[in-house]
Amino acid sequence: GPRWSADGTRLYFTTEGSQGYAVVDVAFDGEYRQSPPSLHDLPDGGFNVWDVTAEGRVLTMQPSEDFFGAESGPGARIDVTLNWFQELERFAPRER
């Protein structure tokens, strides 16, 4: 379904058959107004799970090809990385 920005001034939504999402600016100052939608494509053709961060960035999940394979469903493996920034620094240190 649609997602609101943290400050309530933008509405993010997808449309049927779309490979991306649209954004409209909205205002409720005595009467409802909205901007024309701005359309945004996503790489690699669409997404299944998405949300909008407090900063207004769109966060998506694009499953790998084997996401819906034999290992999906109850008991499927999910890898969670704790201390993500420390792991990133360990595997890809910044040049100083």
C-alpha atoms as a PDB file:
ATOM      1  CA  GLY A   1       0.000   0.000   0.000  1.00  0.00           C
ATOM      2  CA  PRO A   2       0.970   3.650  -0.020  1.00  0.00           C
ATOM      3  CA  ARG A   3       3.495   5.129   2.410  1.00  0.00           C
ATOM      4  CA  TRP A   4       3.522   8.604   3.978  1.00  0.00           C
ATOM      5  CA  SER A   5       6.669  10.611   4.616  1.00  0.00           C
ATOM      6  CA  ALA A   6       7.536  11.119   8.290  1.00  0.00           C
ATOM      7  CA  ASP A   7       6.382  14.747   8.151  1.00  0.00           C
ATOM      8  CA  GLY A   8       3.140  13.911   6.297  1.00  0.00           C
ATOM      9  CA  THR A   9       3.887  16.100   3.269  1.00  0.00           C
ATOM     10  CA  ARG A  10       4.596  13.357   0.707  1.00  0.00           C
ATOM     11  CA  LEU A  11       2.776  10.239  -0.384  1.00  0.00           C
ATOM     12  CA  TYR A  12       4.726   7.365  -1.996  1.00  0.00           C
ATOM     13  CA  PHE A  13       2.833   4.702  -3.930  1.00  0.00           C
ATOM     14  CA  THR A  14       3.091   2.078  -6.646  1.00  0.00           C
ATOM     15  CA  THR A  15       0.784   1.566  -9.575  1.00  0.00           C
ATOM     16  CA  GLU A  16      -0.310  -1.725 -11.111  1.00  0.00           C
ATOM     17  CA  GLY A  17       2.177  -3.008 -13.654  1.00  0.00           C
ATOM     18  CA  SER A  18       4.757  -0.405 -12.659  1.00  0.00           C
ATOM     19  CA  GLN A  19       8.447  -1.164 -12.287  1.00  0.00           C
ATOM     20  CA  GLY A  20       8.877   1.707  -9.862  1.00  0.00           C
ATOM     21  CA  TYR A  21       7.004   4.094  -7.612  1.00  0.00           C
ATOM     22  CA  ALA A  22       5.462   7.572  -7.685  1.00  0.00           C
ATOM     23  CA  VAL A  23       5.632  10.465  -5.223  1.00  0.00           C
ATOM     24  CA  VAL A  24       3.207  13.350  -4.745  1.00  0.00           C
ATOM     25  CA  ASP A  25       3.629  16.343  -2.470  1.00  0.00           C
ATOM     26  CA  VAL A  26       0.458  17.036  -0.505  1.00  0.00           C
ATOM     27  CA  ALA A  27      -0.867  19.943   1.552  1.00  0.00           C
ATOM     28  CA  PHE A  28      -3.867  20.191   3.882  1.00  0.00           C
ATOM     29  CA  ASP A  29      -4.012  23.923   4.601  1.00  0.00           C
ATOM     30  CA  GLY A  30      -7.780  24.454   4.499  1.00  0.00           C
ATOM     31  CA  GLU A  31      -8.134  22.428   1.318  1.00  0.00           C
ATOM     32  CA  TYR A  32      -6.396  19.371  -0.063  1.00  0.00           C
ATOM     33  CA  ARG A  33      -3.782  19.960  -2.765  1.00  0.00           C
ATOM     34  CA  GLN A  34      -1.288  17.672  -4.427  1.00  0.00           C
ATOM     35  CA  SER A  35       1.489  18.001  -6.954  1.00  0.00           C
ATOM     36  CA  PRO A  36       1.561  15.973 -10.160  1.00  0.00           C
ATOM     37  CA  PRO A  37       3.166  12.592  -9.470  1.00  0.00           C
ATOM     38  CA  SER A  38       6.888  12.236 -10.055  1.00  0.00           C
ATOM     39  CA  LEU A  39       7.726   8.760 -11.334  1.00  0.00           C
ATOM     40  CA  HIS A  40      10.829   6.855 -10.218  1.00  0.00           C
ATOM     41  CA  ASP A  41      12.177   3.652 -11.757  1.00  0.00           C
ATOM     42  CA  LEU A  42      14.014   1.008  -9.808  1.00  0.00           C
ATOM     43  CA  PRO A  43      16.878  -1.066 -11.203  1.00  0.00           C
ATOM     44  CA  ASP A  44      16.405  -4.748 -11.995  1.00  0.00           C
ATOM     45  CA  GLY A  45      12.660  -4.527 -12.469  1.00  0.00           C
ATOM     46  CA  GLY A  46      10.481  -3.787  -9.511  1.00  0.00           C
ATOM     47  CA  PHE A  47      10.414  -4.882  -5.902  1.00  0.00           C
ATOM     48  CA  ASN A  48       8.214  -6.780  -3.477  1.00  0.00           C
ATOM     49  CA  VAL A  49       8.849  -5.184  -0.095  1.00  0.00           C
ATOM     50  CA  TRP A  50       9.460  -1.484   0.397  1.00  0.00           C
ATOM     51  CA  ASP A  51       9.217   1.381   2.859  1.00  0.00           C
ATOM     52  CA  VAL A  52      10.183   5.042   3.207  1.00  0.00           C
ATOM     53  CA  THR A  53      12.792   6.129   5.768  1.00  0.00           C
ATOM     54  CA  ALA A  54      12.336   9.171   8.008  1.00  0.00           C
ATOM     55  CA  GLU A  55      14.701  11.018   5.650  1.00  0.00           C
ATOM     56  CA  GLY A  56      12.453  10.270   2.651  1.00  0.00           C
ATOM     57  CA  ARG A  57      14.656   7.607   1.061  1.00  0.00           C
ATOM     58  CA  VAL A  58      12.955   4.565  -0.452  1.00  0.00           C
ATOM     59  CA  LEU A  59      14.206   1.277   0.969  1.00  0.00           C
ATOM     60  CA  THR A  60      13.484  -1.828  -1.112  1.00  0.00           C
ATOM     61  CA  MET A  61      14.086  -5.540  -0.937  1.00  0.00           C
ATOM     62  CA  GLN A  62      14.775  -7.364  -4.171  1.00  0.00           C
ATOM     63  CA  PRO A  63      14.804 -11.103  -3.528  1.00  0.00           C
ATOM     64  CA  SER A  64      17.550 -13.200  -5.098  1.00  0.00           C
ATOM     65  CA  GLU A  65      16.572 -15.788  -7.698  1.00  0.00           C
ATOM     66  CA  ASP A  66      16.536 -18.552  -5.107  1.00  0.00           C
ATOM     67  CA  PHE A  67      14.472 -16.551  -2.586  1.00  0.00           C
ATOM     68  CA  PHE A  68      11.295 -18.431  -3.490  1.00  0.00           C
ATOM     69  CA  GLY A  69      13.072 -21.771  -3.971  1.00  0.00           C
ATOM     70  CA  ALA A  70      12.829 -24.929  -1.900  1.00  0.00           C
ATOM     71  CA  GLU A  71      14.288 -23.239   1.182  1.00  0.00           C
ATOM     72  CA  SER A  72      11.567 -20.590   1.455  1.00  0.00           C
ATOM     73  CA  GLY A  73       8.654 -20.806   3.846  1.00  0.00           C
ATOM     74  CA  PRO A  74       8.585 -21.612   7.549  1.00  0.00           C
ATOM     75  CA  GLY A  75      12.054 -22.378   8.856  1.00  0.00           C
ATOM     76  CA  ALA A  76      13.802 -20.739   5.885  1.00  0.00           C
ATOM     77  CA  ARG A  77      17.225 -19.304   6.626  1.00  0.00           C
ATOM     78  CA  ILE A  78      17.539 -15.565   7.147  1.00  0.00           C
ATOM     79  CA  ASP A  79      20.990 -14.028   7.645  1.00  0.00           C
ATOM     80  CA  VAL A  80      21.082 -10.985   9.911  1.00  0.00           C
ATOM     81  CA  THR A  81      24.257  -8.908  10.228  1.00  0.00           C
ATOM     82  CA  LEU A  82      24.745  -7.250  13.596  1.00  0.00           C
ATOM     83  CA  ASN A  83      27.116  -4.300  13.922  1.00  0.00           C
ATOM     84  CA  TRP A  84      26.798  -3.763  10.199  1.00  0.00           C
ATOM     85  CA  PHE A  85      29.072  -0.712  10.031  1.00  0.00           C
ATOM     86  CA  GLN A  86      31.878  -2.526  11.863  1.00  0.00           C
ATOM     87  CA  GLU A  87      31.540  -5.491   9.480  1.00  0.00           C
ATOM     88  CA  LEU A  88      31.584  -3.133   6.505  1.00  0.00           C
ATOM     89  CA  GLU A  89      34.748  -1.469   7.791  1.00  0.00           C
ATOM     90  CA  ARG A  90      36.359  -4.870   8.313  1.00  0.00           C
ATOM     91  CA  PHE A  91      35.562  -6.111   4.783  1.00  0.00           C
ATOM     92  CA  ALA A  92      35.932  -2.797   2.957  1.00  0.00           C
ATOM     93  CA  PRO A  93      38.103  -0.425   4.994  1.00  0.00           C
ATOM     94  CA  ARG A  94      38.092   3.236   4.074  1.00  0.00           C
ATOM     95  CA  GLU A  95      41.247   4.678   2.624  1.00  0.00           C
ATOM     96  CA  ARG A  96      42.667   7.215   4.993  1.00  0.00           C
END
